[in-house]
Amino acid sequence: MKIKLLRYSIQNQTTLGVILVDNEFKCYTLENSILKIPEGTYNLNHKKYGGFHFKYSKRFFSIHEGMLEIKNVKGRTNILIHTGNKVEDTKGCILIGNSANNNLIKKGFIEDSTNAYIKLYTIINSSLKLKEKVEIEIKNII
């Protein structure tokens, strides 16, 4: 499975993007501009330990089989895809939502994160369960 994160607005504090799976739009993203992941292609796997894993095991008990972790980012570990609405909700991970604001005027934020997470997690998890290779390509399009 090939996932694309296309960043369309990089401002001082927040970076907004979209996630496509098989070239089909799935959700918006929000990242901390200072801690954003460098452009490139990375593997995505389950992370089955740590605070987020235990929290999401309870919160999303019917679907959760491990956090979605982006691997092989030079000099970084524990980069997850998870819920959240504002830059304060992330320390270098990717937040996802079903809508996004314009971050040119004020800090960016996304909304309806839980529903976006469930939708995206279900798609990615089905491939990971089948032991398929899942990659995420991160690219600035501005």
C-alpha atoms as a PDB file:
ATOM      1  CA  MET A   1       0.000   0.000   0.000  1.00  0.00           C
ATOM      2  CA  LYS A   2       1.267   3.452  -0.911  1.00  0.00           C
ATOM      3  CA  ILE A   3       0.153   6.434   1.147  1.00  0.00           C
ATOM      4  CA  LYS A   4       0.962  10.023   0.175  1.00  0.00           C
ATOM      5  CA  LEU A   5       1.107  12.975   2.545  1.00  0.00           C
ATOM      6  CA  LEU A   6       1.107  16.116   0.429  1.00  0.00           C
ATOM      7  CA  ARG A   7       1.863  19.314   2.355  1.00  0.00           C
ATOM      8  CA  TYR A   8       0.132  22.350   0.896  1.00  0.00           C
ATOM      9  CA  SER A   9       0.746  25.066   3.532  1.00  0.00           C
ATOM     10  CA  ILE A  10       3.894  25.411   5.634  1.00  0.00           C
ATOM     11  CA  GLN A  11       3.767  28.368   8.023  1.00  0.00           C
ATOM     12  CA  ASN A  12       5.767  29.393  11.119  1.00  0.00           C
ATOM     13  CA  GLN A  13       4.087  27.028  13.585  1.00  0.00           C
ATOM     14  CA  THR A  14       1.854  24.683  11.630  1.00  0.00           C
ATOM     15  CA  THR A  15       2.002  22.650   8.449  1.00  0.00           C
ATOM     16  CA  LEU A  16      -1.182  21.465   6.742  1.00  0.00           C
ATOM     17  CA  GLY A  17      -1.457  18.616   4.268  1.00  0.00           C
ATOM     18  CA  VAL A  18      -3.666  15.890   2.882  1.00  0.00           C
ATOM     19  CA  ILE A  19      -3.367  12.120   2.944  1.00  0.00           C
ATOM     20  CA  LEU A  20      -4.114  10.109  -0.182  1.00  0.00           C
ATOM     21  CA  VAL A  21      -4.373   6.327  -0.264  1.00  0.00           C
ATOM     22  CA  ASP A  22      -4.083   4.895  -3.763  1.00  0.00           C
ATOM     23  CA  ASN A  23      -4.374   8.517  -5.005  1.00  0.00           C
ATOM     24  CA  GLU A  24      -7.760   8.961  -3.275  1.00  0.00           C
ATOM     25  CA  PHE A  25      -8.229  11.707  -0.659  1.00  0.00           C
ATOM     26  CA  LYS A  26      -8.735  10.366   2.869  1.00  0.00           C
ATOM     27  CA  CYS A  27      -8.090  13.207   5.337  1.00  0.00           C
ATOM     28  CA  TYR A  28      -6.231  16.385   6.259  1.00  0.00           C
ATOM     29  CA  THR A  29      -3.038  16.497   8.331  1.00  0.00           C
ATOM     30  CA  LEU A  30      -1.491  18.891  10.819  1.00  0.00           C
ATOM     31  CA  GLU A  31       2.162  18.904  11.849  1.00  0.00           C
ATOM     32  CA  ASN A  32       4.427  21.086  13.930  1.00  0.00           C
ATOM     33  CA  SER A  33       6.408  23.071  11.328  1.00  0.00           C
ATOM     34  CA  ILE A  34       9.629  22.935  13.324  1.00  0.00           C
ATOM     35  CA  LEU A  35       9.417  19.172  13.991  1.00  0.00           C
ATOM     36  CA  LYS A  36       7.899  18.042  10.709  1.00  0.00           C
ATOM     37  CA  ILE A  37       9.279  14.897   9.108  1.00  0.00           C
ATOM     38  CA  PRO A  38      11.691  15.477   6.210  1.00  0.00           C
ATOM     39  CA  GLU A  39      10.359  14.779   2.743  1.00  0.00           C
ATOM     40  CA  GLY A  40      10.900  11.177   1.696  1.00  0.00           C
ATOM     41  CA  THR A  41       9.397   7.702   1.687  1.00  0.00           C
ATOM     42  CA  TYR A  42       9.137   5.777   4.936  1.00  0.00           C
ATOM     43  CA  ASN A  43       7.810   2.439   6.149  1.00  0.00           C
ATOM     44  CA  LEU A  44       4.707   2.350   8.309  1.00  0.00           C
ATOM     45  CA  ASN A  45       4.228  -0.372  10.935  1.00  0.00           C
ATOM     46  CA  HIS A  46       2.377  -1.116  14.158  1.00  0.00           C
ATOM     47  CA  LYS A  47       3.898   0.032  17.440  1.00  0.00           C
ATOM     48  CA  LYS A  48       2.523  -2.222  20.177  1.00  0.00           C
ATOM     49  CA  TYR A  49       3.930  -0.568  23.301  1.00  0.00           C
ATOM     50  CA  GLY A  50       4.028   2.842  24.951  1.00  0.00           C
ATOM     51  CA  GLY A  51       1.547   5.332  26.327  1.00  0.00           C
ATOM     52  CA  PHE A  52      -0.380   6.010  23.133  1.00  0.00           C
ATOM     53  CA  HIS A  53      -0.733   2.278  22.441  1.00  0.00           C
ATOM     54  CA  PHE A  54      -2.236   1.594  25.851  1.00  0.00           C
ATOM     55  CA  LYS A  55      -4.490   4.656  25.673  1.00  0.00           C
ATOM     56  CA  TYR A  56      -5.741   3.795  22.171  1.00  0.00           C
ATOM     57  CA  SER A  57      -6.208   0.120  23.138  1.00  0.00           C
ATOM     58  CA  LYS A  58      -8.940   1.345  25.476  1.00  0.00           C
ATOM     59  CA  ARG A  59     -10.251   4.240  23.378  1.00  0.00           C
ATOM     60  CA  PHE A  60     -10.494   2.294  20.109  1.00  0.00           C
ATOM     61  CA  PHE A  61     -10.746  -1.206  21.587  1.00  0.00           C
ATOM     62  CA  SER A  62     -12.775  -2.638  18.694  1.00  0.00           C
ATOM     63  CA  ILE A  63     -10.184  -1.794  16.000  1.00  0.00           C
ATOM     64  CA  HIS A  64      -6.848  -1.042  17.686  1.00  0.00           C
ATOM     65  CA  GLU A  65      -3.971  -3.457  17.030  1.00  0.00           C
ATOM     66  CA  GLY A  66      -1.060  -1.064  17.486  1.00  0.00           C
ATOM     67  CA  MET A  67      -0.234   2.566  16.807  1.00  0.00           C
ATOM     68  CA  LEU A  68       0.608   3.595  13.253  1.00  0.00           C
ATOM     69  CA  GLU A  69       4.328   4.393  13.457  1.00  0.00           C
ATOM     70  CA  ILE A  70       6.470   5.959  10.745  1.00  0.00           C
ATOM     71  CA  LYS A  71       9.830   4.181  10.702  1.00  0.00           C
ATOM     72  CA  ASN A  72      13.341   4.931   9.450  1.00  0.00           C
ATOM     73  CA  VAL A  73      13.232   8.715   9.851  1.00  0.00           C
ATOM     74  CA  LYS A  74      16.867   9.712  10.316  1.00  0.00           C
ATOM     75  CA  GLY A  75      17.551  10.785  13.890  1.00  0.00           C
ATOM     76  CA  ARG A  76      13.930  10.330  15.019  1.00  0.00           C
ATOM     77  CA  THR A  77      11.819   7.621  16.626  1.00  0.00           C
ATOM     78  CA  ASN A  78       8.273   7.257  17.934  1.00  0.00           C
ATOM     79  CA  ILE A  79       6.632   9.206  15.096  1.00  0.00           C
ATOM     80  CA  LEU A  80       2.966   8.291  15.126  1.00  0.00           C
ATOM     81  CA  ILE A  81      -0.195   9.085  13.213  1.00  0.00           C
ATOM     82  CA  HIS A  82      -2.835   9.942  15.804  1.00  0.00           C
ATOM     83  CA  THR A  83      -5.770  12.138  16.752  1.00  0.00           C
ATOM     84  CA  GLY A  84      -5.529  15.783  17.743  1.00  0.00           C
ATOM     85  CA  ASN A  85      -6.728  19.180  16.646  1.00  0.00           C
ATOM     86  CA  LYS A  86      -3.987  21.727  17.240  1.00  0.00           C
ATOM     87  CA  VAL A  87      -0.195  21.972  17.148  1.00  0.00           C
ATOM     88  CA  GLU A  88      -0.057  21.621  20.941  1.00  0.00           C
ATOM     89  CA  ASP A  89      -1.420  18.064  20.506  1.00  0.00           C
ATOM     90  CA  THR A  90       1.727  16.916  18.706  1.00  0.00           C
ATOM     91  CA  LYS A  91       5.435  16.873  19.402  1.00  0.00           C
ATOM     92  CA  GLY A  92       6.465  15.790  15.913  1.00  0.00           C
ATOM     93  CA  CYS A  93       3.757  13.272  15.022  1.00  0.00           C
ATOM     94  CA  ILE A  94       1.112  13.606  12.308  1.00  0.00           C
ATOM     95  CA  LEU A  95      -2.400  14.578  13.381  1.00  0.00           C
ATOM     96  CA  ILE A  96      -5.330  13.804  11.097  1.00  0.00           C
ATOM     97  CA  GLY A  97      -8.815  15.282  10.676  1.00  0.00           C
ATOM     98  CA  ASN A  98     -11.741  15.583   8.298  1.00  0.00           C
ATOM     99  CA  SER A  99     -11.479  19.371   7.944  1.00  0.00           C
ATOM    100  CA  ALA A 100      -8.731  22.000   8.198  1.00  0.00           C
ATOM    101  CA  ASN A 101      -8.583  25.761   8.588  1.00  0.00           C
ATOM    102  CA  ASN A 102      -6.466  28.305   6.740  1.00  0.00           C
ATOM    103  CA  ASN A 103      -3.194  28.608   8.675  1.00  0.00           C
ATOM    104  CA  LEU A 104      -2.132  31.824   6.928  1.00  0.00           C
ATOM    105  CA  ILE A 105      -4.031  34.013   9.403  1.00  0.00           C
ATOM    106  CA  LYS A 106      -3.541  32.078  12.650  1.00  0.00           C
ATOM    107  CA  LYS A 107      -2.168  28.724  13.790  1.00  0.00           C
ATOM    108  CA  GLY A 108      -3.584  25.822  11.848  1.00  0.00           C
ATOM    109  CA  PHE A 109      -6.025  23.361  13.313  1.00  0.00           C
ATOM    110  CA  ILE A 110      -7.988  20.360  12.118  1.00  0.00           C
ATOM    111  CA  GLU A 111     -11.365  19.016  13.211  1.00  0.00           C
ATOM    112  CA  ASP A 112     -13.253  15.719  13.407  1.00  0.00           C
ATOM    113  CA  SER A 113      -9.998  13.950  14.153  1.00  0.00           C
ATOM    114  CA  THR A 114     -11.492  10.850  15.761  1.00  0.00           C
ATOM    115  CA  ASN A 115     -13.633   9.967  12.746  1.00  0.00           C
ATOM    116  CA  ALA A 116     -10.746  10.615  10.362  1.00  0.00           C
ATOM    117  CA  TYR A 117      -8.493   8.401  12.491  1.00  0.00           C
ATOM    118  CA  ILE A 118     -10.957   5.504  12.556  1.00  0.00           C
ATOM    119  CA  LYS A 119     -11.407   5.678   8.773  1.00  0.00           C
ATOM    120  CA  LEU A 120      -7.673   5.871   7.980  1.00  0.00           C
ATOM    121  CA  TYR A 121      -6.633   3.379  10.662  1.00  0.00           C
ATOM    122  CA  THR A 122      -9.082   0.770   9.359  1.00  0.00           C
ATOM    123  CA  ILE A 123      -7.673   1.062   5.827  1.00  0.00           C
ATOM    124  CA  ILE A 124      -4.003   0.904   6.850  1.00  0.00           C
ATOM    125  CA  ASN A 125      -4.538  -1.760   9.502  1.00  0.00           C
ATOM    126  CA  SER A 126      -6.126  -4.126   6.978  1.00  0.00           C
ATOM    127  CA  SER A 127      -2.916  -4.069   4.911  1.00  0.00           C
ATOM    128  CA  LEU A 128      -0.647  -4.402   7.948  1.00  0.00           C
ATOM    129  CA  LYS A 129      -2.640  -7.418   9.176  1.00  0.00           C
ATOM    130  CA  LEU A 130      -2.028  -9.080   5.804  1.00  0.00           C
ATOM    131  CA  LYS A 131       1.725  -8.417   6.236  1.00  0.00           C
ATOM    132  CA  GLU A 132       1.707  -6.130   3.189  1.00  0.00           C
ATOM    133  CA  LYS A 133       4.382  -3.459   2.901  1.00  0.00           C
ATOM    134  CA  VAL A 134       2.919  -0.066   3.768  1.00  0.00           C
ATOM    135  CA  GLU A 135       4.858   3.058   2.779  1.00  0.00           C
ATOM    136  CA  ILE A 136       4.150   6.735   3.260  1.00  0.00           C
ATOM    137  CA  GLU A 137       5.626   9.273   0.865  1.00  0.00           C
ATOM    138  CA  ILE A 138       5.855  12.764   2.349  1.00  0.00           C
ATOM    139  CA  LYS A 139       6.151  15.616  -0.117  1.00  0.00           C
ATOM    140  CA  ASN A 140       5.888  19.409  -0.013  1.00  0.00           C
ATOM    141  CA  ILE A 141       3.774  20.544  -2.978  1.00  0.00           C
ATOM    142  CA  ILE A 142       4.164  24.283  -2.440  1.00  0.00           C
END
